[in-house]
Amino acid sequence: MLEAVSDHGCVGWSGEMAQRIREFDWSATSLGPIAQWSSSLRAAVQMLLASPVPLVMLWDRAGYMVYNDAYAIFAGGRHPVLLGAPVEEGWPEVAAFNRNVVDTCLAGGTLSYRDKELVLYRKGVAEDVWMDLYYSPVVEDDGAPAGVIAVVIETTERVIAERRQREAESALLQLTRNLEERVADAVAVRVELEEQLRQAQKMEAIGALTGGIAHDFNNVLQVVSGNLQVLAIQERGNSNVQKRVAAAATAVERGGKLSSQLLSFARRQPLSPTVINIGRIFEGLADLLQRALGETVSVHMSLPPNPWLIQADRNQLENAMLNLLINARDALDGEGRISVIAENVVVGKNEATRSDISPGEYLRLTVQDEGRGMSAEVLARACEPFFTTKEDGRGTGLGLSMVFGFVRQSGGHLSIESKVGHGTSVQMYFPRTAVAETVADVRDAAAHVGRNETVLVVEDDAGVRATSAELLRELGYKVIEAVNGDAALALLKNGVGVDLVFTDVVMPGTVKSADLAAWAKSRAPAIPVLFTSGHTRDMISKNNILAPDVKLLQKPYRPETLAQMVRDLLSKSV
């Protein structure tokens, strides 16, 4: 048989597949026995076996498969079953694809594919493969197409490698973009923080300056106020004097308010926080606000069913709200609607990140108008002291700066939103407190008179000391004077009996007012201490928040306020 094959042109066929082709029974196919193969067929097989590239010949319309050693490797577990099998049976998973190949080439056409993706079962399981495929007709001796020669070059490894490269590149590009975005965000945050720091440093410097000015200014005002009050007491029956004293006292009160605003902005205003139910504030302010703002401005107040309690200085809170409402009225040109809204709000981490407010529970007070609004440039400077857009004589430029300082000093946060032509919304955030509300102790003002008790007045400013001593004497007290803490402590240690120490906070000398107070309170029985100051400079307060047992009378003060505080302290010490 082999000799017959050799005689019919099979000489030169070598390799494993040549042997398998010789031994295969081709009589069951349309190729017939090898001995009967045409010259064209034998030449095609010889060319196929000699090629190092995977080649497979699909003969006749059935596509009987004849292939070389390289294709046998490609076929994997399908080899050697594929030899002599119709292509659609050998590769059933791609039967439709191969049917098109055979029909096209037998009609004289050619096909080529670059990185063609197919799913094959070479090892009994589905696998994605990519191949370069080239199909050409094989002609018989008469020149008519009788089969197909297929060049099969698997490119799976290259395609996967390129795909992975495009992916580790896409990922790198995305990483780079993310990094660029993070860097840009970090730079933006840093710029914002630096701007906030510069603003904070500027405000701190201005605050230190204004605080010092306010201290000296309050001492001057107290001298003027004290003398006016003594004059009013001594000239009770002189209506002309009383009229002039009242006018001068009003001017002093305005100066005191201006000084108080300076201290609030500087966050150096000593606060006496109490537990506040904002509903009671609203009740007390409703009529006052309507009178202060005028009949052409309507004020609409809104409260939640159970507003959260807060801790703040009631007087400062009322002043802050009044300042905001006056600003809103002016923005409306005296006519329109103002909304005052109290809300219980919870600030989450995301919202806190966008501002300098800490996460937590807050009572938010909003004063909102539909007035002219502020430009971005004006809004950026709105809380600066002495900055105002009002005409001369209509504003000091301290309203918003006072509100800002008070809210921040109270542990809260101030937010302002405004747009030209669309009005302004100012929001004050105050931390919620768990402390229960207390009812204020209101006493009869007529009972605030002296009973011949002795008061030690400690003040380094001679003018302030003299007027304070005179006021106390007019109120019915005996008075001993000391120029500073050193002199006061020396008097006390020498056995001078006093019922109350009334001392300035900031004085020269080695004995500070806080030291003097500590010594007085350590006696048995303890000597009550009333502080007075125009600027505490943190000497008797922590973060400008007074301890519950520290009593402070701020300069300039009214005689009735002095009388009440002295009487209250003496009554409690009995």
Protein backbone atom coordinates (compact mmCIF):
# COMPACT_ATOMS: atom_id res chain seq x y z
CA MET A 1 0.00 0.00 0.00
CA LEU A 2 2.80 2.43 0.92
CA GLU A 3 4.64 1.59 -2.26
CA ALA A 4 1.47 2.30 -4.23
CA VAL A 5 1.09 5.62 -2.51
CA SER A 6 4.69 6.48 -3.22
CA ASP A 7 4.20 5.62 -6.79
CA HIS A 8 1.29 8.04 -6.95
CA GLY A 9 3.10 11.17 -5.68
CA CYS A 10 3.22 10.78 -1.89
CA VAL A 11 7.02 10.72 -1.84
CA GLY A 12 8.32 13.59 0.32
CA TRP A 13 5.44 13.56 2.79
CA SER A 14 7.04 13.43 6.23
CA GLY A 15 6.11 13.94 9.84
CA GLU A 16 3.43 12.63 12.15
CA MET A 17 0.56 14.04 10.15
CA ALA A 18 1.95 12.59 6.88
CA GLN A 19 1.89 9.17 8.49
CA ARG A 20 -1.66 9.70 9.80
CA ILE A 21 -2.83 10.92 6.38
CA ARG A 22 -1.35 7.82 4.69
CA GLU A 23 -2.99 5.48 7.21
CA PHE A 24 -6.40 7.16 7.21
CA ASP A 25 -9.20 5.44 5.24
CA TRP A 26 -10.21 8.19 2.85
CA SER A 27 -12.49 5.93 0.84
CA ALA A 28 -15.38 6.93 3.11
CA THR A 29 -15.01 10.56 2.00
CA SER A 30 -15.40 12.33 -1.32
CA LEU A 31 -11.57 12.42 -1.60
CA GLY A 32 -11.48 8.67 -2.23
CA PRO A 33 -8.40 6.46 -1.69
CA ILE A 34 -5.05 8.29 -1.78
CA ALA A 35 -4.03 6.27 -4.82
CA GLN A 36 -6.85 7.97 -6.75
CA TRP A 37 -6.10 11.56 -5.63
CA SER A 38 -5.59 14.07 -8.36
CA SER A 39 -2.30 15.83 -8.93
CA SER A 40 -3.75 19.11 -7.63
CA LEU A 41 -4.95 17.47 -4.43
CA ARG A 42 -1.61 15.71 -3.79
CA ALA A 43 0.27 18.96 -4.45
CA ALA A 44 -1.94 20.84 -2.04
CA VAL A 45 -1.40 18.21 0.66
CA GLN A 46 2.38 18.27 0.11
CA MET A 47 2.44 22.06 0.41
CA LEU A 48 0.31 21.87 3.56
CA LEU A 49 2.56 19.28 5.25
CA ALA A 50 5.71 21.22 4.46
CA SER A 51 4.46 24.47 6.04
CA PRO A 52 5.48 25.42 9.58
CA VAL A 53 2.34 27.58 9.82
CA PRO A 54 -0.94 25.88 10.93
CA LEU A 55 -2.76 24.95 7.72
CA VAL A 56 -5.96 22.99 7.21
CA MET A 57 -7.61 22.00 3.94
CA LEU A 58 -11.39 21.67 3.78
CA TRP A 59 -12.23 19.42 0.80
CA ASP A 60 -15.46 19.39 -1.08
CA ARG A 61 -18.68 20.99 0.19
CA ALA A 62 -18.63 18.86 3.33
CA GLY A 63 -15.24 20.35 4.17
CA TYR A 64 -13.36 17.11 4.95
CA MET A 65 -10.37 18.17 7.03
CA VAL A 66 -6.72 17.52 6.11
CA TYR A 67 -4.15 19.44 8.22
CA ASN A 68 -0.49 19.63 9.16
CA ASP A 69 1.48 19.13 12.37
CA ALA A 70 1.24 22.81 13.37
CA TYR A 71 -2.57 22.73 13.08
CA ALA A 72 -2.64 19.52 15.13
CA ILE A 73 -1.07 21.45 17.97
CA PHE A 74 -3.63 24.23 17.56
CA ALA A 75 -6.50 21.69 17.59
CA GLY A 76 -5.52 20.49 21.08
CA GLY A 77 -7.83 17.76 22.37
CA ARG A 78 -9.77 17.72 19.11
CA HIS A 79 -6.78 16.09 17.36
CA PRO A 80 -6.67 13.47 15.78
CA VAL A 81 -10.46 13.12 15.62
CA LEU A 82 -10.62 16.12 13.30
CA LEU A 83 -8.66 14.34 10.54
CA GLY A 84 -11.03 13.39 7.69
CA ALA A 85 -14.08 14.77 9.57
CA PRO A 86 -16.47 17.29 7.99
CA VAL A 87 -15.56 20.71 9.41
CA GLU A 88 -19.04 21.42 10.77
CA GLU A 89 -18.92 18.20 12.79
CA GLY A 90 -15.32 18.74 13.89
CA TRP A 91 -16.00 22.30 15.12
CA PRO A 92 -19.74 22.36 15.85
CA GLU A 93 -19.45 25.52 18.03
CA VAL A 94 -18.41 27.51 14.93
CA ALA A 95 -20.37 25.53 12.34
CA ALA A 96 -22.13 28.56 10.86
CA PHE A 97 -18.87 30.43 10.51
CA ASN A 98 -17.17 27.53 8.69
CA ARG A 99 -20.19 26.94 6.48
CA ASN A 100 -19.85 30.48 5.19
CA VAL A 101 -16.10 29.96 4.63
CA VAL A 102 -16.60 26.82 2.52
CA ASP A 103 -19.45 28.28 0.48
CA THR A 104 -17.52 31.49 -0.21
CA CYS A 105 -14.28 29.81 -1.31
CA LEU A 106 -15.96 27.10 -3.41
CA ALA A 107 -17.57 29.98 -5.26
CA GLY A 108 -14.07 31.30 -6.00
CA GLY A 109 -13.90 33.93 -3.23
CA THR A 110 -11.38 34.55 -0.46
CA LEU A 111 -11.75 35.61 3.19
CA SER A 112 -9.41 37.11 5.77
CA TYR A 113 -9.85 38.03 9.42
CA ARG A 114 -7.58 39.93 11.78
CA ASP A 115 -7.77 38.93 15.46
CA LYS A 116 -11.06 37.13 14.92
CA GLU A 117 -12.66 36.26 18.26
CA LEU A 118 -14.25 32.81 18.53
CA VAL A 119 -15.30 30.49 21.34
CA LEU A 120 -13.79 26.99 20.92
CA TYR A 121 -13.89 23.78 22.94
CA ARG A 122 -10.37 22.50 22.31
CA LYS A 123 -9.94 21.12 25.82
CA GLY A 124 -13.53 20.23 26.62
CA VAL A 125 -14.34 23.67 28.06
CA ALA A 126 -15.27 26.93 26.41
CA GLU A 127 -12.40 29.34 25.84
CA ASP A 128 -12.18 32.68 24.11
CA VAL A 129 -9.59 32.62 21.36
CA TRP A 130 -8.40 35.18 18.82
CA MET A 131 -6.95 34.26 15.41
CA ASP A 132 -5.71 35.65 12.15
CA LEU A 133 -7.55 33.62 9.50
CA TYR A 134 -6.93 33.53 5.74
CA TYR A 135 -9.08 31.40 3.40
CA SER A 136 -8.38 30.70 -0.30
CA PRO A 137 -9.86 28.22 -2.87
CA VAL A 138 -7.96 25.01 -3.84
CA VAL A 139 -8.59 24.11 -7.49
CA GLU A 140 -8.81 20.66 -9.05
CA ASP A 141 -6.92 19.59 -12.18
CA ASP A 142 -9.70 21.09 -14.28
CA GLY A 143 -9.22 24.48 -12.60
CA ALA A 144 -12.53 24.49 -10.71
CA PRO A 145 -12.51 25.19 -6.93
CA ALA A 146 -12.79 21.90 -5.03
CA GLY A 147 -11.67 22.84 -1.54
CA VAL A 148 -10.42 25.55 0.82
CA ILE A 149 -6.94 26.10 2.21
CA ALA A 150 -7.02 27.89 5.58
CA VAL A 151 -4.11 29.60 7.30
CA VAL A 152 -4.81 29.60 11.05
CA ILE A 153 -2.55 31.74 13.28
CA GLU A 154 -3.65 32.01 16.90
CA THR A 155 -3.13 35.50 18.37
CA THR A 156 -4.79 34.94 21.75
CA GLU A 157 -1.70 35.64 23.86
CA ARG A 158 -0.89 38.81 21.96
CA VAL A 159 -4.49 40.07 22.07
CA ILE A 160 -4.78 39.40 25.80
CA ALA A 161 -1.41 41.02 26.42
CA GLU A 162 -2.39 44.08 24.40
CA ARG A 163 -5.76 44.24 26.12
CA ARG A 164 -4.13 44.06 29.52
CA GLN A 165 -1.68 46.72 28.47
CA ARG A 166 -4.51 48.95 27.36
CA GLU A 167 -6.30 48.25 30.65
CA ALA A 168 -2.77 48.73 33.36
CA GLU A 169 -2.57 52.16 30.70
CA SER A 170 -6.33 53.03 31.17
CA ALA A 171 -6.02 52.43 34.89
CA LEU A 172 -2.82 54.46 35.01
CA LEU A 173 -4.48 57.26 33.07
CA GLN A 174 -7.45 57.19 35.44
CA LEU A 175 -5.12 57.09 38.41
CA THR A 176 -3.25 60.06 37.01
CA ARG A 177 -6.48 61.93 36.45
CA ASN A 178 -7.66 61.05 39.95
CA LEU A 179 -4.33 62.14 41.35
CA GLU A 180 -4.50 65.38 39.40
CA GLU A 181 -8.02 65.97 40.70
CA ARG A 182 -6.95 65.17 44.26
CA VAL A 183 -3.96 67.46 43.94
CA ALA A 184 -6.20 70.20 42.53
CA ASP A 185 -8.71 69.66 45.35
CA ALA A 186 -5.92 69.67 47.92
CA VAL A 187 -4.49 72.86 46.47
CA ALA A 188 -7.95 74.47 46.48
CA VAL A 189 -8.52 73.40 50.09
CA ARG A 190 -5.10 74.70 51.08
CA VAL A 191 -5.74 78.02 49.37
CA GLU A 192 -9.09 78.27 51.13
CA LEU A 193 -7.55 77.36 54.48
CA GLU A 194 -4.76 79.87 53.98
CA GLU A 195 -7.33 82.52 53.14
CA GLN A 196 -9.32 81.58 56.24
CA LEU A 197 -6.13 81.73 58.30
CA ARG A 198 -5.26 85.16 56.91
CA GLN A 199 -8.79 86.31 57.62
CA ALA A 200 -8.65 84.86 61.13
CA GLN A 201 -5.28 86.50 61.78
CA LYS A 202 -6.59 89.81 60.46
CA MET A 203 -9.69 89.54 62.62
CA GLU A 204 -7.58 88.58 65.65
CA ALA A 205 -5.30 91.58 65.14
CA ILE A 206 -8.26 93.91 64.72
CA GLY A 207 -9.91 92.26 67.70
CA ALA A 208 -6.89 92.84 69.93
CA LEU A 209 -6.78 96.49 68.85
CA THR A 210 -10.50 97.12 69.27
CA GLY A 211 -10.53 95.29 72.60
CA GLY A 212 -7.83 97.56 73.97
CA ILE A 213 -9.57 100.65 72.66
CA ALA A 214 -12.88 99.52 74.15
CA HIS A 215 -11.28 99.07 77.58
CA ASP A 216 -9.93 102.62 77.72
CA PHE A 217 -13.07 104.02 76.11
CA ASN A 218 -15.28 102.33 78.71
CA ASN A 219 -13.25 103.84 81.53
CA VAL A 220 -13.75 107.31 80.03
CA LEU A 221 -17.46 106.62 79.59
CA GLN A 222 -17.73 105.39 83.17
CA VAL A 223 -16.24 108.61 84.53
CA VAL A 224 -18.70 110.65 82.46
CA SER A 225 -21.60 108.37 83.34
CA GLY A 226 -20.75 108.26 87.03
CA ASN A 227 -20.56 111.99 87.34
CA LEU A 228 -23.82 112.41 85.46
CA GLN A 229 -25.53 109.90 87.73
CA VAL A 230 -24.21 111.57 90.89
CA LEU A 231 -25.32 114.94 89.55
CA ALA A 232 -28.77 113.55 88.80
CA ILE A 233 -29.07 112.23 92.35
CA GLN A 234 -27.87 115.46 93.95
CA GLU A 235 -30.08 117.68 91.78
CA ARG A 236 -33.31 115.69 91.93
CA GLY A 237 -35.45 118.80 92.10
CA ASN A 238 -33.75 120.69 89.25
CA SER A 239 -35.67 119.88 86.05
CA ASN A 240 -33.23 121.76 83.83
CA VAL A 241 -30.30 119.72 85.17
CA GLN A 242 -32.27 116.50 84.89
CA LYS A 243 -33.06 117.24 81.26
CA ARG A 244 -29.43 117.89 80.36
CA VAL A 245 -28.22 114.88 82.36
CA ALA A 246 -30.73 112.65 80.55
CA ALA A 247 -29.50 113.86 77.14
CA ALA A 248 -25.87 113.33 78.12
CA ALA A 249 -26.67 109.89 79.61
CA THR A 250 -28.27 108.87 76.32
CA ALA A 251 -25.07 109.76 74.49
CA VAL A 252 -23.04 107.78 77.03
CA GLU A 253 -25.37 104.81 76.52
CA ARG A 254 -24.81 105.01 72.78
CA GLY A 255 -21.06 105.07 73.37
CA GLY A 256 -21.37 102.06 75.68
CA LYS A 257 -23.30 100.18 73.02
CA LEU A 258 -20.64 101.00 70.45
CA SER A 259 -17.94 99.73 72.84
CA SER A 260 -19.96 96.59 73.51
CA GLN A 261 -20.19 95.94 69.78
CA LEU A 262 -16.43 96.32 69.47
CA LEU A 263 -15.90 93.77 72.22
CA SER A 264 -18.44 91.38 70.71
CA PHE A 265 -16.68 91.53 67.36
CA ALA A 266 -13.31 90.99 69.06
CA ARG A 267 -14.86 88.02 70.93
CA ARG A 268 -13.68 89.61 74.15
CA GLN A 269 -17.13 90.41 75.48
CA PRO A 270 -17.50 88.52 78.78
CA LEU A 271 -20.67 86.48 78.38
CA SER A 272 -23.05 85.25 81.05
CA PRO A 273 -24.69 82.32 79.27
CA THR A 274 -27.97 80.96 80.54
CA VAL A 275 -30.25 78.24 79.24
CA ILE A 276 -32.57 79.82 76.68
CA ASN A 277 -35.86 78.68 75.21
CA ILE A 278 -36.01 80.67 71.98
CA GLY A 279 -39.79 80.65 72.16
CA ARG A 280 -39.65 82.97 75.17
CA ILE A 281 -37.25 85.27 73.30
CA PHE A 282 -39.69 85.43 70.39
CA GLU A 283 -42.58 86.23 72.74
CA GLY A 284 -40.66 89.03 74.39
CA LEU A 285 -39.38 90.57 71.16
CA ALA A 286 -42.50 90.43 69.01
CA ASP A 287 -44.07 93.74 70.05
CA LEU A 288 -40.73 95.50 70.51
CA LEU A 289 -39.56 94.53 67.04
CA GLN A 290 -42.75 95.72 65.38
CA ARG A 291 -42.42 99.11 67.07
CA ALA A 292 -38.70 99.38 66.29
CA LEU A 293 -39.03 98.36 62.65
CA GLY A 294 -42.14 100.39 61.78
CA GLU A 295 -45.62 99.58 60.58
CA THR A 296 -44.60 99.17 56.92
CA VAL A 297 -42.37 96.18 57.73
CA SER A 298 -44.06 92.89 58.56
CA VAL A 299 -42.15 90.39 60.73
CA HIS A 300 -43.15 86.73 60.47
CA MET A 301 -41.81 84.46 63.17
CA SER A 302 -41.69 80.67 62.85
CA LEU A 303 -40.94 78.17 65.62
CA PRO A 304 -40.69 74.36 65.65
CA PRO A 305 -43.13 72.58 68.03
CA ASN A 306 -40.35 71.91 70.56
CA PRO A 307 -37.34 74.16 69.92
CA TRP A 308 -34.08 72.82 71.31
CA LEU A 309 -32.63 74.67 74.29
CA ILE A 310 -29.35 76.57 73.90
CA GLN A 311 -26.87 78.25 76.22
CA ALA A 312 -26.13 81.87 75.37
CA ASP A 313 -26.07 85.35 76.80
CA ARG A 314 -29.71 86.45 76.57
CA ASN A 315 -28.97 90.17 76.23
CA GLN A 316 -26.37 89.59 73.54
CA LEU A 317 -28.72 87.23 71.67
CA GLU A 318 -31.50 89.81 71.71
CA ASN A 319 -29.08 92.50 70.52
CA ALA A 320 -27.84 90.24 67.73
CA MET A 321 -31.37 89.55 66.52
CA LEU A 322 -32.26 93.24 66.72
CA ASN A 323 -29.16 94.15 64.68
CA LEU A 324 -30.04 91.62 61.98
CA LEU A 325 -33.64 92.80 61.83
CA ILE A 326 -32.59 96.45 61.52
CA ASN A 327 -30.21 95.51 58.69
CA ALA A 328 -33.05 93.62 56.99
CA ARG A 329 -35.38 96.60 57.39
CA ASP A 330 -32.80 98.92 55.84
CA ALA A 331 -32.27 96.47 52.95
CA LEU A 332 -36.04 96.65 52.31
CA ASP A 333 -35.91 100.46 52.32
CA GLY A 334 -38.36 100.39 55.21
CA GLU A 335 -41.11 98.40 53.50
CA GLY A 336 -41.59 94.67 53.02
CA ARG A 337 -41.48 91.32 54.78
CA ILE A 338 -38.87 89.88 57.14
CA SER A 339 -38.90 86.24 58.22
CA VAL A 340 -37.45 85.08 61.54
CA ILE A 341 -37.20 81.30 61.58
CA ALA A 342 -36.08 78.98 64.37
CA GLU A 343 -35.28 75.39 63.39
CA ASN A 344 -33.84 72.28 65.02
CA VAL A 345 -31.12 71.07 62.64
CA VAL A 346 -28.54 68.29 62.62
CA VAL A 347 -25.30 69.12 60.83
CA GLY A 348 -23.72 66.01 59.29
CA LYS A 349 -20.11 65.37 58.38
CA ASN A 350 -20.60 66.24 54.71
CA GLU A 351 -22.11 69.64 55.48
CA ALA A 352 -19.48 70.27 58.17
CA THR A 353 -16.73 69.54 55.67
CA ARG A 354 -17.94 72.33 53.41
CA SER A 355 -17.72 74.90 56.21
CA ASP A 356 -16.01 75.42 59.53
CA ILE A 357 -19.01 74.27 61.58
CA SER A 358 -18.64 71.11 63.65
CA PRO A 359 -21.06 68.19 63.18
CA GLY A 360 -23.81 68.07 65.76
CA GLU A 361 -27.24 69.31 66.84
CA TYR A 362 -28.00 73.02 66.56
CA LEU A 363 -30.79 75.51 66.94
CA ARG A 364 -30.63 77.60 63.77
CA LEU A 365 -32.01 81.13 63.82
CA THR A 366 -32.55 82.65 60.38
CA VAL A 367 -33.31 86.30 59.61
CA GLN A 368 -34.32 86.56 55.96
CA ASP A 369 -35.39 89.50 53.84
CA GLU A 370 -36.28 90.07 50.20
CA GLY A 371 -34.37 93.32 49.92
CA ARG A 372 -31.65 94.63 47.66
CA GLY A 373 -29.10 91.97 48.61
CA MET A 374 -25.31 92.19 48.57
CA SER A 375 -22.74 91.73 45.84
CA ALA A 376 -20.03 89.10 46.26
CA GLU A 377 -17.50 91.83 47.07
CA VAL A 378 -19.70 93.36 49.77
CA LEU A 379 -20.61 89.93 51.18
CA ALA A 380 -16.92 89.07 51.57
CA ARG A 381 -16.44 92.10 53.84
CA ALA A 382 -19.83 92.11 55.56
CA CYS A 383 -18.49 91.05 58.98
CA GLU A 384 -15.53 93.41 59.03
CA PRO A 385 -15.79 96.08 61.74
CA PHE A 386 -16.66 99.60 60.55
CA PHE A 387 -17.46 98.36 57.03
CA THR A 388 -20.84 99.65 55.92
CA THR A 389 -22.63 100.46 52.68
CA LYS A 390 -25.04 102.83 54.44
CA GLU A 391 -24.75 106.56 54.06
CA ASP A 392 -22.98 108.60 56.72
CA GLY A 393 -24.83 108.79 60.00
CA ARG A 394 -26.98 105.69 59.41
CA GLY A 395 -24.64 102.95 60.55
CA THR A 396 -21.41 102.24 62.42
CA GLY A 397 -20.51 99.12 60.44
CA LEU A 398 -20.42 97.11 63.67
CA GLY A 399 -23.80 95.36 63.52
CA LEU A 400 -22.80 92.23 61.62
CA SER A 401 -19.32 92.14 63.13
CA MET A 402 -20.93 92.11 66.58
CA VAL A 403 -23.25 89.29 65.58
CA PHE A 404 -20.33 87.35 64.10
CA GLY A 405 -18.23 87.75 67.24
CA PHE A 406 -21.08 86.89 69.61
CA VAL A 407 -22.13 83.75 67.72
CA ARG A 408 -18.57 82.46 67.43
CA GLN A 409 -17.84 83.27 71.06
CA SER A 410 -20.97 81.29 71.99
CA GLY A 411 -19.56 78.21 70.24
CA GLY A 412 -21.80 78.64 67.21
CA HIS A 413 -21.50 79.41 63.52
CA LEU A 414 -22.65 82.31 61.33
CA SER A 415 -23.61 81.82 57.69
CA ILE A 416 -24.65 84.58 55.28
CA GLU A 417 -26.15 84.09 51.83
CA SER A 418 -27.03 87.03 49.64
CA LYS A 419 -27.61 87.90 46.01
CA VAL A 420 -28.18 91.28 44.48
CA GLY A 421 -31.88 91.81 43.88
CA HIS A 422 -32.89 88.64 45.74
CA GLY A 423 -32.37 89.51 49.38
CA THR A 424 -30.21 88.22 52.23
CA SER A 425 -30.41 85.28 54.63
CA VAL A 426 -28.36 85.31 57.84
CA GLN A 427 -28.23 82.06 59.81
CA MET A 428 -26.99 81.76 63.39
CA TYR A 429 -26.21 78.21 64.60
CA PHE A 430 -26.19 77.66 68.38
CA PRO A 431 -25.21 74.24 69.84
CA ARG A 432 -28.03 72.37 71.53
CA THR A 433 -27.69 72.02 75.30
CA ALA A 434 -28.89 69.23 77.57
CA VAL A 435 -29.11 71.56 80.58
CA ALA A 436 -32.65 72.22 81.83
CA GLU A 437 -34.24 75.66 81.55
CA THR A 438 -34.38 77.84 84.69
CA VAL A 439 -36.74 80.67 85.56
CA ALA A 440 -35.12 84.06 86.08
CA ASP A 441 -35.26 85.63 89.55
CA VAL A 442 -36.87 89.07 89.26
CA ARG A 443 -36.82 91.31 92.35
CA ASP A 444 -38.29 94.66 93.27
CA ALA A 445 -35.93 97.45 92.15
CA ALA A 446 -36.96 99.58 95.15
CA ALA A 447 -35.28 97.06 97.48
CA HIS A 448 -31.86 97.61 95.89
CA VAL A 449 -30.55 100.11 98.42
CA GLY A 450 -27.68 100.02 100.87
CA ARG A 451 -28.04 99.19 104.54
CA ASN A 452 -24.86 100.82 105.74
CA GLU A 453 -22.68 97.89 104.60
CA THR A 454 -19.03 98.56 103.78
CA VAL A 455 -17.83 98.19 100.17
CA LEU A 456 -14.15 98.14 99.22
CA VAL A 457 -13.78 99.86 95.80
CA VAL A 458 -10.58 98.78 93.99
CA GLU A 459 -9.84 100.84 90.84
CA ASP A 460 -6.60 102.23 89.40
CA ASP A 461 -8.32 104.98 87.38
CA ALA A 462 -8.82 107.86 89.82
CA GLY A 463 -11.80 109.31 87.97
CA VAL A 464 -13.63 105.99 87.75
CA ARG A 465 -12.80 105.20 91.39
CA ALA A 466 -14.15 108.53 92.62
CA THR A 467 -17.44 108.34 90.72
CA SER A 468 -18.00 104.68 91.67
CA ALA A 469 -17.40 105.45 95.34
CA GLU A 470 -19.73 108.44 95.23
CA LEU A 471 -22.48 106.36 93.59
CA LEU A 472 -22.23 103.70 96.28
CA ARG A 473 -22.35 106.31 99.04
CA GLU A 474 -25.47 107.82 97.45
CA LEU A 475 -26.98 104.32 97.43
CA GLY A 476 -26.46 104.01 101.21
CA TYR A 477 -23.12 102.19 101.55
CA LYS A 478 -19.91 102.97 103.40
CA VAL A 479 -16.97 103.02 100.99
CA ILE A 480 -13.25 102.30 101.36
CA GLU A 481 -11.06 103.03 98.33
CA ALA A 482 -7.89 101.22 97.09
CA VAL A 483 -5.79 102.15 94.03
CA ASN A 484 -4.95 98.54 93.04
CA GLY A 485 -4.97 94.91 94.14
CA ASP A 486 -1.82 95.28 96.23
CA ALA A 487 -3.31 98.09 98.34
CA ALA A 488 -6.66 96.29 98.64
CA LEU A 489 -5.08 93.03 99.85
CA ALA A 490 -2.95 94.94 102.35
CA LEU A 491 -6.08 96.57 103.81
CA LEU A 492 -7.87 93.24 104.07
CA LYS A 493 -4.92 91.48 105.69
CA ASN A 494 -4.61 94.34 108.22
CA GLY A 495 -8.09 93.53 109.44
CA VAL A 496 -10.18 96.20 107.73
CA GLY A 497 -13.73 94.89 107.76
CA VAL A 498 -15.65 94.91 104.49
CA ASP A 499 -18.89 93.30 103.36
CA LEU A 500 -18.16 93.30 99.61
CA VAL A 501 -15.22 93.89 97.26
CA PHE A 502 -16.02 95.87 94.11
CA THR A 503 -12.92 95.61 91.90
CA ASP A 504 -11.80 96.47 88.41
CA VAL A 505 -10.51 93.47 86.48
CA VAL A 506 -7.46 94.97 84.77
CA MET A 507 -5.08 96.85 87.09
CA PRO A 508 -1.33 97.32 87.51
CA GLY A 509 0.54 95.72 90.41
CA THR A 510 1.54 92.24 91.53
CA VAL A 511 -1.83 91.26 92.99
CA LYS A 512 -4.29 90.60 90.20
CA SER A 513 -8.02 91.00 90.63
CA ALA A 514 -8.52 87.24 90.37
CA ASP A 515 -5.99 86.72 93.20
CA LEU A 516 -7.74 89.33 95.33
CA ALA A 517 -11.09 87.63 94.74
CA ALA A 518 -9.69 84.21 95.60
CA TRP A 519 -8.36 85.52 98.93
CA ALA A 520 -11.68 87.23 99.74
CA LYS A 521 -13.70 84.13 98.98
CA SER A 522 -11.42 81.99 101.15
CA ARG A 523 -12.38 83.91 104.31
CA ALA A 524 -14.87 82.58 106.84
CA PRO A 525 -17.39 83.87 106.14
CA ALA A 526 -16.52 84.48 102.49
CA ILE A 527 -16.47 88.07 101.25
CA PRO A 528 -18.51 88.43 98.03
CA VAL A 529 -16.72 89.97 95.03
CA LEU A 530 -18.21 92.01 92.18
CA PHE A 531 -15.94 92.60 89.20
CA THR A 532 -16.22 95.52 86.81
CA SER A 533 -14.42 96.08 83.52
CA GLY A 534 -14.58 97.43 80.04
CA HIS A 535 -12.46 94.53 78.78
CA THR A 536 -11.64 91.36 80.74
CA ARG A 537 -8.70 90.11 78.65
CA ASP A 538 -9.47 86.57 79.82
CA MET A 539 -8.37 87.32 83.39
CA ILE A 540 -11.57 86.15 85.08
CA SER A 541 -13.08 84.10 82.29
CA LYS A 542 -12.30 81.07 80.20
CA ASN A 543 -12.67 81.86 76.50
CA ASN A 544 -14.59 84.97 77.67
CA ILE A 545 -17.29 82.80 79.25
CA LEU A 546 -17.84 83.70 82.90
CA ALA A 547 -18.07 80.93 85.47
CA PRO A 548 -21.45 80.76 87.27
CA ASP A 549 -19.94 82.08 90.51
CA VAL A 550 -18.23 85.09 88.83
CA LYS A 551 -20.28 88.28 88.78
CA LEU A 552 -19.25 91.04 86.37
CA LEU A 553 -20.63 94.55 85.90
CA GLN A 554 -19.59 95.92 82.55
CA LYS A 555 -18.59 99.55 82.09
CA PRO A 556 -20.28 101.88 81.55
CA TYR A 557 -23.02 100.80 83.94
CA ARG A 558 -26.20 102.43 85.19
CA PRO A 559 -26.67 103.16 88.91
CA GLU A 560 -29.71 100.88 89.11
CA THR A 561 -27.69 97.99 87.67
CA LEU A 562 -24.91 98.59 90.19
CA ALA A 563 -27.45 98.82 93.00
CA GLN A 564 -29.14 95.56 92.01
CA MET A 565 -25.93 93.52 91.66
CA VAL A 566 -24.41 94.80 94.91
CA ARG A 567 -27.65 94.16 96.81
CA ASP A 568 -28.03 90.66 95.31
CA LEU A 569 -24.50 89.65 96.30
CA LEU A 570 -24.87 91.00 99.82
CA SER A 571 -28.23 89.32 100.27
CA LYS A 572 -26.85 85.94 99.20
CA SER A 573 -23.90 86.26 101.57
CA VAL A 574 -26.10 86.70 104.62
